[in-house]
N, C-alpha and C. Protein backbone atom coordinates (compact mmCIF):
# COMPACT_ATOMS: atom_id res chain seq x y z
N UNK A 1 -171.05 -142.14 -96.69
CA UNK A 1 -172.51 -141.80 -96.54
C UNK A 1 -172.85 -141.15 -95.50
N UNK A 2 -173.94 -140.41 -95.36
CA UNK A 2 -174.39 -139.70 -94.23
C UNK A 2 -175.09 -140.21 -92.97
N UNK A 3 -175.14 -140.21 -92.18
CA UNK A 3 -175.48 -141.29 -91.15
C UNK A 3 -176.76 -140.61 -90.40
N UNK A 4 -176.68 -139.33 -90.03
CA UNK A 4 -177.33 -138.62 -89.42
C UNK A 4 -178.46 -138.39 -90.21
N UNK A 5 -179.39 -138.49 -89.52
CA UNK A 5 -180.67 -138.27 -90.15
C UNK A 5 -182.09 -137.39 -88.77
N UNK A 6 -182.96 -136.74 -89.17
CA UNK A 6 -183.79 -136.20 -88.27
C UNK A 6 -185.03 -136.74 -88.38
N UNK A 7 -186.12 -137.14 -87.65
CA UNK A 7 -187.14 -137.53 -87.76
C UNK A 7 -188.12 -136.54 -86.78
N UNK A 8 -189.03 -136.22 -87.55
CA UNK A 8 -189.98 -135.11 -87.39
C UNK A 8 -191.93 -136.05 -87.16
N UNK A 9 -192.06 -135.81 -85.81
CA UNK A 9 -193.39 -136.16 -86.04
C UNK A 9 -194.95 -135.51 -86.93
N UNK A 10 -195.47 -136.27 -87.82
CA UNK A 10 -196.60 -135.51 -88.45
C UNK A 10 -198.03 -136.91 -87.73
N UNK A 11 -198.71 -136.18 -86.76
CA UNK A 11 -199.85 -137.03 -86.28
C UNK A 11 -199.34 -138.07 -85.79
N UNK A 12 -199.51 -139.50 -86.04
CA UNK A 12 -198.68 -140.64 -85.70
C UNK A 12 -198.11 -141.11 -86.19
N UNK A 13 -197.71 -140.71 -87.38
CA UNK A 13 -196.34 -140.79 -88.25
C UNK A 13 -195.16 -140.18 -87.63
N UNK A 14 -194.01 -140.96 -87.97
CA UNK A 14 -192.49 -140.07 -88.19
C UNK A 14 -192.25 -139.96 -89.24
N UNK A 15 -191.91 -138.32 -89.76
CA UNK A 15 -191.69 -138.76 -91.12
C UNK A 15 -189.49 -138.36 -91.33
N UNK A 16 -188.93 -139.15 -91.37
CA UNK A 16 -187.61 -138.52 -91.97
C UNK A 16 -187.13 -138.69 -93.43
N UNK A 17 -186.18 -137.96 -93.27
CA UNK A 17 -185.80 -136.87 -94.76
C UNK A 17 -184.47 -137.78 -95.18
N UNK A 18 -184.82 -138.51 -95.53
CA UNK A 18 -183.30 -139.21 -96.33
C UNK A 18 -182.68 -138.85 -97.03
N UNK A 19 -181.54 -139.04 -97.04
CA UNK A 19 -180.39 -139.18 -98.25
C UNK A 19 -180.63 -140.64 -99.23
N UNK A 20 -180.42 -139.85 -100.71
CA UNK A 20 -180.22 -141.27 -100.96
C UNK A 20 -179.59 -142.49 -100.97
N UNK A 21 -178.06 -142.26 -100.16
CA UNK A 21 -177.22 -143.49 -99.90
C UNK A 21 -177.85 -144.36 -98.60
N UNK A 22 -179.24 -143.27 -97.74
CA UNK A 22 -179.53 -143.59 -96.27
C UNK A 22 -180.90 -144.61 -97.35
N UNK A 23 -181.79 -144.48 -97.91
CA UNK A 23 -182.86 -144.95 -98.64
C UNK A 23 -182.20 -146.15 -99.08
N UNK A 24 -181.23 -146.13 -99.81
CA UNK A 24 -180.50 -147.22 -100.74
C UNK A 24 -180.19 -148.29 -99.72
N UNK A 25 -179.17 -148.11 -98.46
CA UNK A 25 -179.02 -148.79 -97.35
C UNK A 25 -179.84 -149.49 -96.55
N UNK A 26 -181.17 -148.99 -96.65
CA UNK A 26 -181.91 -149.42 -95.79
C UNK A 26 -182.94 -150.56 -96.89
N UNK A 27 -183.52 -150.04 -98.31
CA UNK A 27 -183.50 -150.80 -99.32
C UNK A 27 -183.25 -152.57 -99.24
N UNK A 28 -181.67 -152.05 -98.87
CA UNK A 28 -180.56 -153.05 -99.34
C UNK A 28 -181.34 -154.29 -98.38
N UNK A 29 -180.73 -153.24 -96.53
CA UNK A 29 -181.01 -154.47 -95.51
C UNK A 29 -182.63 -155.15 -96.12
N UNK A 30 -183.17 -154.49 -96.03
CA UNK A 30 -184.80 -154.91 -95.99
C UNK A 30 -185.12 -156.02 -97.71
N UNK A 31 -184.40 -155.63 -98.35
CA UNK A 31 -184.60 -156.61 -99.40
C UNK A 31 -184.23 -158.10 -99.32
N UNK A 32 -183.07 -157.88 -98.60
CA UNK A 32 -181.96 -158.81 -98.43
C UNK A 32 -182.86 -160.07 -97.36
N UNK A 33 -183.68 -159.06 -96.62
CA UNK A 33 -184.52 -160.40 -95.82
C UNK A 33 -185.45 -160.58 -96.16
N UNK A 34 -186.11 -160.18 -97.04
CA UNK A 34 -187.04 -160.62 -98.20
C UNK A 34 -187.03 -161.89 -98.74
N UNK A 35 -185.54 -161.74 -99.19
CA UNK A 35 -185.04 -162.64 -100.04
C UNK A 35 -184.76 -164.07 -99.96
N UNK A 36 -184.39 -163.71 -98.47
CA UNK A 36 -183.90 -164.98 -97.48
C UNK A 36 -185.33 -166.22 -97.44
N UNK A 37 -186.53 -165.78 -97.75
CA UNK A 37 -187.25 -166.79 -97.49
C UNK A 37 -187.74 -167.00 -96.25
N UNK A 38 -187.17 -166.39 -95.78
CA UNK A 38 -187.27 -167.16 -93.58
C UNK A 38 -188.90 -167.19 -93.42
N UNK A 39 -189.25 -168.45 -92.69
CA UNK A 39 -190.18 -168.61 -92.04
C UNK A 39 -190.78 -167.42 -91.16
N UNK A 40 -191.91 -167.34 -91.14
CA UNK A 40 -192.94 -166.37 -90.10
C UNK A 40 -192.54 -166.53 -88.98
N UNK A 41 -191.73 -167.33 -88.34
CA UNK A 41 -191.23 -167.15 -86.82
C UNK A 41 -189.98 -166.89 -86.88
N UNK A 42 -188.96 -167.20 -87.96
CA UNK A 42 -188.02 -166.55 -87.87
C UNK A 42 -187.72 -164.74 -88.48
N UNK A 43 -188.87 -164.66 -89.04
CA UNK A 43 -189.05 -163.04 -89.32
C UNK A 43 -189.40 -162.36 -88.16
N UNK A 44 -190.29 -162.97 -87.79
CA UNK A 44 -191.02 -162.17 -86.38
C UNK A 44 -189.94 -162.03 -85.49
N UNK A 45 -189.18 -163.07 -85.15
CA UNK A 45 -187.47 -162.70 -84.44
C UNK A 45 -186.70 -162.18 -84.88
N UNK A 46 -186.35 -162.05 -85.93
CA UNK A 46 -185.18 -161.44 -87.15
C UNK A 46 -185.89 -159.22 -87.18
N UNK A 47 -186.90 -159.90 -87.32
CA UNK A 47 -187.39 -158.24 -87.68
C UNK A 47 -188.71 -157.54 -86.80
N UNK A 48 -189.40 -158.89 -86.26
CA UNK A 48 -190.47 -158.35 -85.56
C UNK A 48 -191.77 -157.83 -86.57
N UNK A 49 -191.79 -158.09 -87.60
CA UNK A 49 -192.89 -158.15 -88.31
C UNK A 49 -193.01 -159.44 -89.46
N UNK A 50 -193.97 -159.35 -90.22
CA UNK A 50 -194.82 -160.58 -91.26
C UNK A 50 -194.08 -160.03 -92.60
N UNK A 51 -194.08 -161.17 -93.53
CA UNK A 51 -193.52 -161.44 -94.43
C UNK A 51 -194.31 -159.61 -95.51
N UNK A 52 -195.46 -159.95 -95.53
CA UNK A 52 -196.14 -158.68 -95.78
C UNK A 52 -196.04 -157.47 -95.63
N UNK A 53 -195.60 -156.94 -94.23
CA UNK A 53 -194.70 -155.94 -93.74
C UNK A 53 -193.50 -155.64 -94.45
N UNK A 54 -192.35 -156.20 -94.32
CA UNK A 54 -190.80 -156.51 -94.88
C UNK A 54 -191.37 -155.72 -96.26
N UNK A 55 -192.11 -156.84 -97.11
CA UNK A 55 -192.43 -156.37 -98.88
C UNK A 55 -193.19 -154.98 -98.64
N UNK A 56 -193.44 -154.37 -98.15
CA UNK A 56 -194.48 -153.20 -98.11
C UNK A 56 -193.34 -152.04 -98.23
N UNK A 57 -192.55 -152.53 -97.05
CA UNK A 57 -191.20 -151.40 -96.96
C UNK A 57 -190.67 -151.44 -98.14
N UNK A 58 -189.88 -152.62 -98.05
CA UNK A 58 -189.07 -152.94 -99.30
C UNK A 58 -189.42 -152.26 -100.56
N UNK A 59 -190.77 -152.42 -101.10
CA UNK A 59 -191.17 -151.54 -102.08
C UNK A 59 -191.65 -149.93 -101.96
N UNK A 60 -191.70 -149.50 -100.39
CA UNK A 60 -191.38 -148.20 -100.56
C UNK A 60 -190.30 -147.39 -100.76
N UNK A 61 -189.26 -148.05 -100.32
CA UNK A 61 -188.07 -147.88 -100.43
C UNK A 61 -187.23 -147.86 -101.65
N UNK A 62 -187.92 -148.59 -102.47
CA UNK A 62 -186.89 -148.73 -103.61
C UNK A 62 -187.01 -147.80 -104.58
N UNK A 63 -185.68 -147.89 -105.15
CA UNK A 63 -185.42 -146.44 -105.61
C UNK A 63 -185.66 -146.58 -107.28
N UNK A 64 -185.04 -145.64 -108.06
CA UNK A 64 -183.18 -145.11 -108.01
C UNK A 64 -183.76 -143.88 -106.68
N UNK A 65 -182.52 -143.79 -106.27
CA UNK A 65 -182.85 -142.46 -105.08
C UNK A 65 -181.69 -141.56 -105.65
N UNK A 66 -182.13 -140.43 -106.27
CA UNK A 66 -181.21 -139.56 -106.63
C UNK A 66 -181.18 -138.43 -105.84
N UNK A 67 -182.38 -137.72 -105.19
CA UNK A 67 -182.12 -136.77 -103.90
C UNK A 67 -182.83 -137.20 -103.07
N UNK A 68 -182.37 -136.40 -102.00
CA UNK A 68 -182.81 -136.67 -100.49
C UNK A 68 -184.86 -136.90 -100.68
N UNK A 69 -185.48 -137.25 -100.16
CA UNK A 69 -186.73 -137.27 -99.85
C UNK A 69 -187.31 -138.10 -98.54
N UNK A 70 -188.66 -137.13 -98.54
CA UNK A 70 -189.20 -137.68 -97.21
C UNK A 70 -190.30 -139.02 -97.42
N UNK A 71 -189.77 -139.68 -96.08
CA UNK A 71 -190.41 -140.90 -95.83
C UNK A 71 -191.16 -141.20 -94.72
N UNK A 72 -192.35 -141.48 -94.90
CA UNK A 72 -193.90 -141.90 -94.19
C UNK A 72 -193.00 -142.98 -93.10
N UNK A 73 -193.22 -142.83 -91.81
CA UNK A 73 -193.12 -144.03 -91.28
C UNK A 73 -193.77 -144.22 -89.90
N UNK A 74 -194.36 -145.70 -89.39
CA UNK A 74 -194.94 -145.92 -87.72
C UNK A 74 -193.32 -145.90 -87.34
N UNK A 75 -194.00 -146.07 -85.75
CA UNK A 75 -192.76 -146.31 -84.94
C UNK A 75 -192.65 -148.19 -85.60
N UNK A 76 -193.70 -148.55 -85.71
CA UNK A 76 -193.35 -150.23 -86.08
C UNK A 76 -192.19 -150.30 -86.88
N UNK A 77 -192.76 -149.83 -88.27
CA UNK A 77 -191.85 -149.43 -89.45
C UNK A 77 -190.33 -149.51 -88.98
N UNK A 78 -190.44 -148.37 -88.11
CA UNK A 78 -189.11 -147.83 -88.34
C UNK A 78 -188.11 -149.44 -87.37
N UNK A 79 -188.78 -149.84 -86.27
CA UNK A 79 -188.16 -150.85 -85.79
C UNK A 79 -187.71 -151.85 -86.63
N UNK A 80 -188.64 -152.20 -87.45
CA UNK A 80 -188.39 -153.22 -88.27
C UNK A 80 -186.86 -152.54 -89.11
N UNK A 81 -187.32 -151.59 -89.87
CA UNK A 81 -186.42 -151.21 -91.02
C UNK A 81 -184.47 -150.78 -89.61
N UNK A 82 -185.00 -150.61 -88.56
CA UNK A 82 -183.32 -151.25 -87.62
C UNK A 82 -183.06 -152.31 -87.81
N UNK A 83 -184.01 -152.94 -87.06
CA UNK A 83 -183.89 -154.60 -87.23
C UNK A 83 -183.03 -155.50 -88.46
N UNK A 84 -183.70 -154.48 -89.61
CA UNK A 84 -182.90 -155.03 -90.51
C UNK A 84 -181.46 -154.71 -91.11
N UNK A 85 -181.08 -153.43 -90.55
CA UNK A 85 -179.99 -152.67 -90.65
C UNK A 85 -179.05 -153.60 -89.51
N UNK A 86 -179.85 -154.14 -88.12
CA UNK A 86 -178.34 -154.68 -87.90
C UNK A 86 -178.67 -156.25 -87.67
N UNK A 87 -179.06 -156.95 -88.56
CA UNK A 87 -179.54 -158.28 -88.38
C UNK A 87 -178.78 -158.65 -89.52
N UNK A 88 -178.73 -157.95 -90.92
CA UNK A 88 -178.51 -158.56 -92.12
C UNK A 88 -177.18 -159.03 -91.87
N UNK A 89 -175.78 -158.10 -91.50
CA UNK A 89 -174.22 -158.56 -91.43
C UNK A 89 -174.77 -159.96 -90.53
N UNK A 90 -175.22 -160.02 -90.04
CA UNK A 90 -175.58 -161.63 -89.10
C UNK A 90 -175.51 -162.71 -89.65
N UNK A 91 -176.48 -162.56 -91.07
CA UNK A 91 -176.08 -163.60 -91.93
C UNK A 91 -174.91 -163.57 -92.87
N UNK A 92 -174.20 -162.99 -92.63
CA UNK A 92 -173.14 -162.99 -93.47
C UNK A 92 -171.57 -163.43 -92.39
N UNK A 93 -171.79 -164.72 -91.64
CA UNK A 93 -171.07 -164.80 -90.75
C UNK A 93 -170.94 -166.39 -91.41
N UNK A 94 -169.37 -166.69 -91.16
CA UNK A 94 -169.21 -168.31 -91.38
C UNK A 94 -168.46 -169.08 -89.92
N UNK A 95 -168.67 -170.23 -90.63
CA UNK A 95 -167.94 -170.76 -89.15
C UNK A 95 -167.10 -170.19 -88.22
N UNK A 96 -167.61 -170.24 -86.83
CA UNK A 96 -166.79 -169.65 -86.26
C UNK A 96 -167.11 -168.10 -86.26
N UNK A 97 -168.22 -167.65 -86.45
CA UNK A 97 -168.77 -166.76 -85.72
C UNK A 97 -168.10 -165.25 -86.79
N UNK A 98 -167.24 -165.54 -87.81
CA UNK A 98 -166.65 -164.36 -88.23
C UNK A 98 -167.21 -163.67 -89.68
N UNK A 99 -167.10 -162.61 -89.32
CA UNK A 99 -167.91 -161.45 -90.31
C UNK A 99 -167.43 -161.91 -91.63
N UNK A 100 -168.20 -161.74 -92.81
CA UNK A 100 -167.50 -162.31 -94.01
C UNK A 100 -167.92 -160.22 -94.77
N UNK A 101 -166.92 -159.30 -94.86
CA UNK A 101 -167.21 -158.16 -95.41
C UNK A 101 -167.26 -158.47 -96.95
N UNK A 102 -165.98 -159.36 -98.12
CA UNK A 102 -166.59 -159.32 -99.11
C UNK A 102 -168.29 -159.40 -99.24
N UNK A 103 -168.30 -160.29 -99.21
CA UNK A 103 -169.42 -161.04 -99.37
C UNK A 103 -170.95 -160.12 -99.36
N UNK A 104 -170.91 -159.87 -97.93
CA UNK A 104 -172.02 -158.42 -97.80
C UNK A 104 -171.60 -157.32 -98.36
N UNK A 105 -170.36 -156.83 -98.78
CA UNK A 105 -170.06 -155.48 -99.72
C UNK A 105 -171.06 -155.95 -100.73
N UNK A 106 -170.80 -156.94 -101.48
CA UNK A 106 -171.08 -157.43 -102.97
C UNK A 106 -172.62 -157.41 -102.81
N UNK A 107 -173.31 -157.79 -101.87
CA UNK A 107 -174.05 -157.79 -102.21
C UNK A 107 -175.59 -156.71 -101.85
N UNK A 108 -174.80 -155.97 -100.79
CA UNK A 108 -175.72 -154.82 -100.08
C UNK A 108 -174.96 -154.02 -101.04
N UNK A 109 -173.45 -153.54 -101.54
CA UNK A 109 -173.49 -152.82 -102.12
C UNK A 109 -173.28 -151.43 -100.72
N UNK A 110 -172.83 -151.53 -99.83
CA UNK A 110 -172.42 -151.00 -98.41
C UNK A 110 -171.79 -152.09 -97.48
N UNK A 111 -170.84 -150.86 -96.72
CA UNK A 111 -169.99 -152.24 -95.86
C UNK A 111 -170.41 -151.83 -94.40
N UNK A 112 -170.55 -152.96 -93.78
CA UNK A 112 -171.20 -153.24 -92.10
C UNK A 112 -171.17 -151.99 -91.82
N UNK A 113 -169.90 -151.20 -91.41
CA UNK A 113 -170.09 -150.17 -90.61
C UNK A 113 -171.11 -148.91 -91.06
N UNK A 114 -171.71 -149.25 -92.78
CA UNK A 114 -172.59 -148.04 -92.63
C UNK A 114 -173.73 -148.34 -92.11
N UNK A 115 -174.14 -149.69 -92.57
CA UNK A 115 -175.17 -150.14 -91.49
C UNK A 115 -175.39 -150.12 -89.93
N UNK A 116 -174.12 -150.30 -89.11
CA UNK A 116 -174.68 -150.15 -88.17
C UNK A 116 -174.28 -148.28 -87.79
N UNK A 117 -173.97 -147.57 -88.16
CA UNK A 117 -173.69 -146.27 -88.21
C UNK A 117 -174.97 -145.83 -88.22
N UNK A 118 -175.91 -145.97 -89.76
CA UNK A 118 -177.15 -145.74 -90.40
C UNK A 118 -178.05 -146.60 -88.79
N UNK A 119 -177.95 -147.68 -88.41
CA UNK A 119 -179.36 -147.91 -87.16
C UNK A 119 -178.99 -146.76 -86.49
N UNK A 120 -177.30 -146.65 -85.44
CA UNK A 120 -177.51 -145.81 -84.89
C UNK A 120 -177.86 -144.72 -84.90
N UNK A 121 -177.80 -143.74 -86.19
CA UNK A 121 -178.37 -142.71 -86.16
C UNK A 121 -179.94 -142.77 -85.94
N UNK A 122 -180.44 -143.92 -86.71
CA UNK A 122 -181.90 -143.83 -86.74
C UNK A 122 -182.14 -143.86 -84.81
N UNK A 123 -181.82 -144.29 -83.96
CA UNK A 123 -181.78 -144.27 -82.83
C UNK A 123 -181.68 -143.19 -82.03
N UNK A 124 -180.69 -142.52 -82.65
CA UNK A 124 -180.42 -140.95 -82.24
C UNK A 124 -181.39 -139.38 -82.30
N UNK A 125 -181.96 -140.53 -83.79
CA UNK A 125 -183.08 -139.72 -84.06
C UNK A 125 -184.69 -139.44 -83.54
N UNK A 126 -184.77 -140.85 -82.98
CA UNK A 126 -185.61 -141.61 -82.31
C UNK A 126 -185.79 -140.65 -80.79
N UNK A 127 -184.58 -140.61 -80.00
CA UNK A 127 -184.19 -139.83 -78.99
C UNK A 127 -184.51 -138.19 -78.91
N UNK A 128 -184.18 -138.00 -80.21
CA UNK A 128 -184.42 -136.58 -80.47
C UNK A 128 -185.66 -136.10 -80.22
N UNK A 129 -186.88 -136.76 -80.78
CA UNK A 129 -188.16 -136.56 -80.36
C UNK A 129 -188.73 -136.19 -79.40
């Protein structure tokens, strides 16, 4: 999975050219958050957004993704995406705090390091603005 990406400014928006795997990983992270039926307080703490915002972002990133495409985000929306990428793996911890790779991979179709590297790539892209 390509983890580097570029952000460009377009007025108040940030435009990200996402490879198919990047858009799919972001979608999988957000859709898992959406499926959890978390209370508003939990969602706000987890991703900094309400159910409606998570739903809109999930719908915008829905596939199928067969070629790279531009996606427009606000800074707040990118925060939600970054938070989903970094927090979803914590939903696959078992007693004692051990991460369970197989259920994570089965559910998302990705490995944890893909989510971690993409979240890191998103931060590096933002730092380059």
